[in-house]
């Protein structure tokens, strides 16, 4: 990319991350490249995916400077029968998605290439930096995943509008399943002493303590400007006490860096849902712990999602249904 930027074919804007958040790197064609594309008669139909591209990836975090942000790098791994099975399964699911009738209604906000449908499973490394297929495994890829939420209502599956289905409080419920305990009834994120209006901030703090690989004693992570925040009086110790007063069964789950394990279980559930819907010839578009589906199929797929979660975790995980505004 840097070389194409240097010769004036691409405009490369490098991303950055700081205490206020960050911006992803981006590229855009220059007038020079656009002219060359037009001159050569190139169109979108001339582009495609490499046959047999790798869909099972492993990555680890690398810190290049003591004060700098961590970055992810891909790592080589030894293939196994399990990974070959994961690869074959995902390639079969991708092949089914490739043939599905999935389109996007122009919303005037830029092109969305829904021919970009290849999904990959991103596994992670253990504490020693070694690839571990029991860690991570989340599904990434597909143009719909990075599409802003307000634009997803313009997606059409088999010509019809879509509905969003996602597992409710997935991370805490998977944590409960990992210790073999049923969660208390009601909203998991309702904690004593915290007003319900701060629910989104409670959710973020709850998941932070589940994902931390250490016992956090003070100071929440530096939030981005748009992040929900707890009231100033809610320090880490006070919040942990409130959390454990309602969820004592999770006392041994906090500060153990469970994110990698929980994401692995999450991915197994979503893969099972995709396999079942493929057997029924019903396309779905997964978004980590949820999916977009044809609106008339939402009730059927909701049942499949619940059954898949029950099969893999032995616990019930509720599914929320969001009917997206129908674009015209």
Protein backbone atom coordinates (compact mmCIF):
# COMPACT_ATOMS: atom_id res chain seq x y z
CA UNK A 1 0.00 0.00 0.00
CA UNK A 2 2.80 2.39 0.88
CA UNK A 3 4.38 1.87 -2.56
CA UNK A 4 1.11 2.65 -4.36
CA UNK A 5 0.72 5.70 -2.15
CA UNK A 6 4.24 6.81 -3.08
CA UNK A 7 3.53 6.69 -6.82
CA UNK A 8 0.23 8.52 -6.45
CA UNK A 9 -2.16 5.67 -7.18
CA UNK A 10 -3.66 5.38 -3.72
CA UNK A 11 -4.26 7.83 -0.91
CA UNK A 12 -3.26 6.12 2.33
CA UNK A 13 -4.50 7.53 5.63
CA UNK A 14 -2.78 5.76 8.49
CA UNK A 15 -4.84 4.97 11.54
CA UNK A 16 -3.93 5.78 15.09
CA UNK A 17 -5.03 5.07 18.63
CA UNK A 18 -4.76 7.39 21.59
CA UNK A 19 -6.48 8.00 24.91
CA UNK A 20 -9.52 9.45 23.20
CA UNK A 21 -10.02 6.41 20.98
CA UNK A 22 -8.61 5.99 17.50
CA UNK A 23 -9.19 5.92 13.77
CA UNK A 24 -8.72 2.90 11.49
CA UNK A 25 -6.34 3.12 8.55
CA UNK A 26 -8.03 3.69 5.22
CA UNK A 27 -7.15 3.80 1.53
CA UNK A 28 -8.85 5.50 -1.40
CA UNK A 29 -8.08 5.58 -5.12
CA UNK A 30 -6.60 8.79 -6.49
CA UNK A 31 -7.69 10.46 -9.74
CA UNK A 32 -4.66 8.84 -11.41
CA UNK A 33 -5.77 5.31 -10.51
CA UNK A 34 -9.41 6.03 -11.39
CA UNK A 35 -8.32 7.19 -14.83
CA UNK A 36 -6.22 4.07 -15.38
CA UNK A 37 -9.10 1.81 -14.30
CA UNK A 38 -11.47 3.57 -16.70
CA UNK A 39 -8.92 3.42 -19.51
CA UNK A 40 -8.46 -0.34 -19.01
CA UNK A 41 -12.22 -0.99 -18.95
CA UNK A 42 -12.03 -2.68 -15.52
CA UNK A 43 -15.28 -3.25 -13.57
CA UNK A 44 -16.26 -4.92 -10.30
CA UNK A 45 -17.00 -8.14 -12.16
CA UNK A 46 -13.26 -8.48 -12.80
CA UNK A 47 -12.57 -8.93 -9.07
CA UNK A 48 -13.13 -12.02 -6.95
CA UNK A 49 -11.83 -14.17 -4.13
CA UNK A 50 -8.84 -16.49 -4.36
CA UNK A 51 -10.02 -20.08 -4.65
CA UNK A 52 -9.23 -21.99 -1.48
CA UNK A 53 -8.23 -18.93 0.57
CA UNK A 54 -7.39 -19.62 4.21
CA UNK A 55 -10.34 -19.22 6.56
CA UNK A 56 -8.70 -20.46 9.79
CA UNK A 57 -6.37 -17.83 11.22
CA UNK A 58 -4.38 -17.44 14.43
CA UNK A 59 -3.14 -14.14 15.81
CA UNK A 60 -1.42 -12.78 18.88
CA UNK A 61 -0.92 -9.33 20.36
CA UNK A 62 2.46 -7.69 19.96
CA UNK A 63 3.62 -4.65 21.89
CA UNK A 64 6.35 -2.85 19.97
CA UNK A 65 7.08 -0.09 22.50
CA UNK A 66 6.50 0.06 26.28
CA UNK A 67 4.04 2.94 25.98
CA UNK A 68 2.63 2.10 22.57
CA UNK A 69 -0.58 0.26 21.74
CA UNK A 70 -0.60 -3.47 21.11
CA UNK A 71 -1.14 -4.68 17.58
CA UNK A 72 -2.20 -8.05 16.26
CA UNK A 73 -0.05 -10.19 14.01
CA UNK A 74 -0.88 -13.43 12.26
CA UNK A 75 1.10 -16.48 13.35
CA UNK A 76 1.90 -19.78 11.66
CA UNK A 77 0.34 -22.88 13.18
CA UNK A 78 0.53 -26.64 12.96
CA UNK A 79 -2.51 -28.05 11.19
CA UNK A 80 -4.55 -30.69 13.03
CA UNK A 81 -7.55 -32.87 12.33
CA UNK A 82 -9.67 -30.48 14.42
CA UNK A 83 -8.54 -27.44 12.44
CA UNK A 84 -9.09 -29.25 9.14
CA UNK A 85 -12.64 -30.02 10.26
CA UNK A 86 -13.17 -26.35 11.22
CA UNK A 87 -11.82 -25.30 7.81
CA UNK A 88 -13.97 -27.72 5.82
CA UNK A 89 -17.07 -26.72 7.77
CA UNK A 90 -16.55 -23.00 7.26
CA UNK A 91 -15.72 -23.36 3.57
CA UNK A 92 -18.95 -25.31 3.10
CA UNK A 93 -20.91 -22.60 4.90
CA UNK A 94 -19.19 -19.87 2.86
CA UNK A 95 -20.02 -21.71 -0.37
CA UNK A 96 -23.69 -21.77 0.64
CA UNK A 97 -23.62 -18.05 1.48
CA UNK A 98 -21.99 -17.25 -1.86
CA UNK A 99 -25.03 -18.57 -3.72
CA UNK A 100 -27.63 -16.81 -1.56
CA UNK A 101 -29.76 -13.92 -2.78
CA UNK A 102 -28.36 -11.09 -0.63
CA UNK A 103 -28.52 -7.47 -1.82
CA UNK A 104 -28.31 -3.93 -0.50
CA UNK A 105 -30.69 -1.10 -1.27
CA UNK A 106 -28.81 2.07 -2.15
CA UNK A 107 -29.05 4.48 0.80
CA UNK A 108 -26.93 7.23 -0.73
CA UNK A 109 -24.16 6.70 1.82
CA UNK A 110 -21.73 4.78 -0.35
CA UNK A 111 -21.49 1.40 -2.00
CA UNK A 112 -21.81 -1.76 0.09
CA UNK A 113 -20.33 -4.80 -1.62
CA UNK A 114 -22.41 -7.69 -0.36
CA UNK A 115 -20.54 -10.02 -2.69
CA UNK A 116 -17.94 -9.85 0.08
CA UNK A 117 -19.31 -12.82 2.06
CA UNK A 118 -16.29 -14.93 3.01
CA UNK A 119 -16.12 -15.44 6.76
CA UNK A 120 -13.04 -16.54 8.69
CA UNK A 121 -12.51 -17.87 12.18
CA UNK A 122 -9.86 -15.97 14.13
CA UNK A 123 -8.30 -18.09 16.85
CA UNK A 124 -5.84 -16.77 19.42
CA UNK A 125 -2.66 -17.73 21.24
CA UNK A 126 -2.12 -18.75 24.83
CA UNK A 127 -0.11 -16.85 27.44
CA UNK A 128 3.13 -18.22 25.95
CA UNK A 129 2.18 -17.02 22.48
CA UNK A 130 1.37 -20.50 21.15
CA UNK A 131 -1.65 -21.07 18.86
CA UNK A 132 -4.54 -22.61 20.78
CA UNK A 133 -7.72 -23.69 18.99
CA UNK A 134 -9.67 -23.56 22.27
CA UNK A 135 -9.18 -19.78 22.45
CA UNK A 136 -11.07 -17.29 20.31
CA UNK A 137 -12.46 -18.58 17.04
CA UNK A 138 -14.90 -15.74 16.46
CA UNK A 139 -16.33 -15.29 12.98
CA UNK A 140 -15.10 -12.26 11.06
CA UNK A 141 -15.67 -11.17 7.49
CA UNK A 142 -18.62 -10.29 5.33
CA UNK A 143 -19.50 -6.73 4.37
CA UNK A 144 -22.42 -6.65 6.81
CA UNK A 145 -20.23 -7.02 9.90
CA UNK A 146 -18.59 -3.59 9.66
CA UNK A 147 -21.68 -1.92 8.26
CA UNK A 148 -23.02 0.80 10.57
CA UNK A 149 -26.09 -0.34 12.46
CA UNK A 150 -28.36 2.29 10.98
CA UNK A 151 -27.58 0.99 7.47
CA UNK A 152 -28.33 -2.69 8.09
CA UNK A 153 -32.02 -2.15 7.46
CA UNK A 154 -31.13 -1.72 3.77
CA UNK A 155 -29.96 -5.34 3.49
CA UNK A 156 -32.31 -7.68 1.68
CA UNK A 157 -32.21 -11.48 1.94
CA UNK A 158 -34.14 -13.18 -0.83
CA UNK A 159 -35.71 -9.83 -1.61
CA UNK A 160 -37.17 -9.20 1.85
CA UNK A 161 -36.24 -7.09 4.89
CA UNK A 162 -34.10 -8.42 7.72
CA UNK A 163 -34.43 -8.87 11.47
CA UNK A 164 -31.60 -8.82 14.01
CA UNK A 165 -31.45 -11.72 16.49
CA UNK A 166 -28.81 -11.75 19.19
CA UNK A 167 -28.11 -13.62 22.39
CA UNK A 168 -28.93 -11.59 25.50
CA UNK A 169 -26.05 -10.94 27.93
CA UNK A 170 -24.00 -13.57 26.12
CA UNK A 171 -20.67 -13.16 27.98
CA UNK A 172 -22.10 -13.30 31.54
CA UNK A 173 -24.37 -16.20 30.64
CA UNK A 174 -21.48 -18.14 29.12
CA UNK A 175 -19.47 -17.40 32.27
CA UNK A 176 -22.30 -18.86 34.35
CA UNK A 177 -22.40 -21.90 32.08
CA UNK A 178 -18.64 -22.36 32.55
CA UNK A 179 -19.16 -22.79 36.32
CA UNK A 180 -22.30 -24.91 35.89
CA UNK A 181 -24.67 -22.47 37.61
CA UNK A 182 -27.97 -21.02 36.42
CA UNK A 183 -28.03 -17.18 36.45
CA UNK A 184 -30.54 -15.40 38.72
CA UNK A 185 -33.81 -14.42 37.05
CA UNK A 186 -34.25 -10.99 35.54
CA UNK A 187 -31.81 -8.64 33.86
CA UNK A 188 -28.25 -9.83 34.52
CA UNK A 189 -27.00 -6.24 34.32
CA UNK A 190 -29.36 -4.98 37.05
CA UNK A 191 -27.12 -4.47 40.09
CA UNK A 192 -28.09 -3.20 43.56
CA UNK A 193 -27.61 0.51 44.05
CA UNK A 194 -27.10 1.39 40.37
CA UNK A 195 -29.90 3.20 38.57
CA UNK A 196 -31.21 1.28 35.51
CA UNK A 197 -30.42 4.32 33.36
CA UNK A 198 -26.74 3.30 33.65
CA UNK A 199 -27.37 -0.20 32.28
CA UNK A 200 -25.04 0.19 29.27
CA UNK A 201 -22.24 1.40 31.53
CA UNK A 202 -22.85 -1.53 33.89
CA UNK A 203 -22.68 -3.91 30.92
CA UNK A 204 -19.33 -2.49 29.83
CA UNK A 205 -17.87 -2.60 33.35
CA UNK A 206 -19.20 -6.13 33.95
CA UNK A 207 -17.59 -7.42 30.75
CA UNK A 208 -14.36 -5.55 31.53
CA UNK A 209 -13.97 -7.47 34.81
CA UNK A 210 -14.76 -10.75 33.01
CA UNK A 211 -12.16 -10.04 30.33
CA UNK A 212 -9.38 -8.59 32.52
CA UNK A 213 -6.49 -11.07 32.92
CA UNK A 214 -5.75 -9.55 36.34
CA UNK A 215 -7.62 -8.36 39.41
CA UNK A 216 -8.39 -4.74 38.64
CA UNK A 217 -8.11 -2.67 41.82
CA UNK A 218 -8.66 0.85 40.56
CA UNK A 219 -9.21 2.82 37.40
CA UNK A 220 -11.50 1.74 34.58
CA UNK A 221 -10.06 1.56 31.03
CA UNK A 222 -9.83 4.93 29.31
CA UNK A 223 -13.22 5.24 27.58
CA UNK A 224 -13.84 6.59 24.12
CA UNK A 225 -15.98 9.69 23.94
CA UNK A 226 -19.07 7.70 22.98
CA UNK A 227 -18.65 5.07 25.69
CA UNK A 228 -21.24 4.90 28.49
CA UNK A 229 -19.71 5.70 31.87
CA UNK A 230 -20.59 4.82 35.42
CA UNK A 231 -21.19 7.66 37.91
CA UNK A 232 -17.90 8.87 39.42
CA UNK A 233 -18.74 7.39 42.82
CA UNK A 234 -18.68 3.87 41.36
CA UNK A 235 -15.07 2.87 41.79
CA UNK A 236 -13.81 -0.55 40.72
CA UNK A 237 -14.01 -2.05 44.27
CA UNK A 238 -17.50 -0.69 44.84
CA UNK A 239 -18.71 -1.99 41.49
CA UNK A 240 -17.14 -5.42 42.08
CA UNK A 241 -18.87 -5.67 45.47
CA UNK A 242 -22.23 -4.82 43.90
CA UNK A 243 -21.66 -7.30 41.09
CA UNK A 244 -20.72 -10.16 43.41
CA UNK A 245 -23.59 -9.41 45.77
CA UNK A 246 -25.93 -10.34 42.89
CA UNK A 247 -23.65 -12.83 41.11
CA UNK A 248 -21.57 -14.60 43.80
CA UNK A 249 -21.17 -17.65 41.55
CA UNK A 250 -18.95 -15.58 39.25
CA UNK A 251 -16.39 -14.70 41.93
CA UNK A 252 -13.78 -17.03 40.39
CA UNK A 253 -14.50 -15.78 36.86
CA UNK A 254 -13.38 -12.19 37.39
CA UNK A 255 -9.81 -11.21 36.52
CA UNK A 256 -9.05 -14.48 34.74
CA UNK A 257 -9.12 -13.16 31.18
CA UNK A 258 -12.09 -15.30 30.19
CA UNK A 259 -12.76 -13.44 26.93
CA UNK A 260 -10.81 -15.92 24.79
CA UNK A 261 -12.64 -18.93 26.21
CA UNK A 262 -16.05 -17.28 26.06
CA UNK A 263 -15.51 -16.25 22.44
CA UNK A 264 -14.64 -19.84 21.61
CA UNK A 265 -17.92 -21.12 23.03
CA UNK A 266 -19.77 -18.30 21.30
CA UNK A 267 -18.25 -19.25 17.94
CA UNK A 268 -19.15 -22.92 18.38
CA UNK A 269 -22.77 -21.94 18.99
CA UNK A 270 -22.94 -19.66 15.93
CA UNK A 271 -21.30 -22.28 13.70
CA UNK A 272 -23.93 -24.79 14.85
CA UNK A 273 -26.70 -22.30 14.01
CA UNK A 274 -25.18 -21.71 10.56
CA UNK A 275 -24.94 -25.44 9.90
CA UNK A 276 -28.56 -26.02 10.85
CA UNK A 277 -29.83 -23.14 8.74
CA UNK A 278 -27.75 -24.32 5.77
CA UNK A 279 -29.46 -27.71 6.08
CA UNK A 280 -32.76 -25.84 5.80
CA UNK A 281 -31.49 -23.73 2.86
CA UNK A 282 -32.00 -20.53 4.87
CA UNK A 283 -29.17 -17.96 4.61
CA UNK A 284 -28.19 -15.92 7.69
CA UNK A 285 -25.53 -13.27 8.27
CA UNK A 286 -23.68 -13.68 11.57
CA UNK A 287 -22.42 -10.76 13.67
CA UNK A 288 -20.38 -12.32 16.51
CA UNK A 289 -23.09 -13.24 19.05
CA UNK A 290 -26.02 -12.47 16.78
CA UNK A 291 -27.23 -12.60 13.20
CA UNK A 292 -29.35 -10.98 10.54
CA UNK A 293 -32.03 -13.11 8.94
CA UNK A 294 -35.09 -12.93 6.71
CA UNK A 295 -37.82 -11.36 8.81
CA UNK A 296 -40.42 -14.09 8.09
CA UNK A 297 -37.91 -16.70 9.33
CA UNK A 298 -37.05 -14.90 12.59
CA UNK A 299 -39.25 -17.06 14.86
CA UNK A 300 -37.90 -20.28 13.37
CA UNK A 301 -34.28 -19.13 13.67
CA UNK A 302 -34.81 -17.91 17.23
CA UNK A 303 -35.76 -21.46 18.21
CA UNK A 304 -32.67 -22.84 16.43
CA UNK A 305 -30.44 -20.36 18.26
CA UNK A 306 -31.83 -21.37 21.64
CA UNK A 307 -31.46 -25.06 20.84
CA UNK A 308 -27.85 -24.61 19.69
CA UNK A 309 -26.92 -22.74 22.88
CA UNK A 310 -28.62 -25.39 25.02
CA UNK A 311 -26.85 -28.19 23.14
CA UNK A 312 -23.37 -26.70 23.57
CA UNK A 313 -23.59 -25.13 27.05
CA UNK A 314 -26.41 -27.17 28.67
CA UNK A 315 -27.98 -23.85 29.68
CA UNK A 316 -30.69 -21.64 28.26
CA UNK A 317 -29.53 -18.38 26.68
CA UNK A 318 -32.36 -15.98 25.73
CA UNK A 319 -32.45 -14.38 22.29
CA UNK A 320 -33.56 -10.80 21.70
CA UNK A 321 -35.38 -9.84 18.50
CA UNK A 322 -34.98 -6.43 16.86
CA UNK A 323 -37.07 -5.62 13.83
CA UNK A 324 -34.97 -3.19 11.79
CA UNK A 325 -36.68 -0.21 10.19
CA UNK A 326 -37.66 -1.25 6.69
CA UNK A 327 -35.85 0.88 4.12
CA UNK A 328 -37.70 1.87 0.98
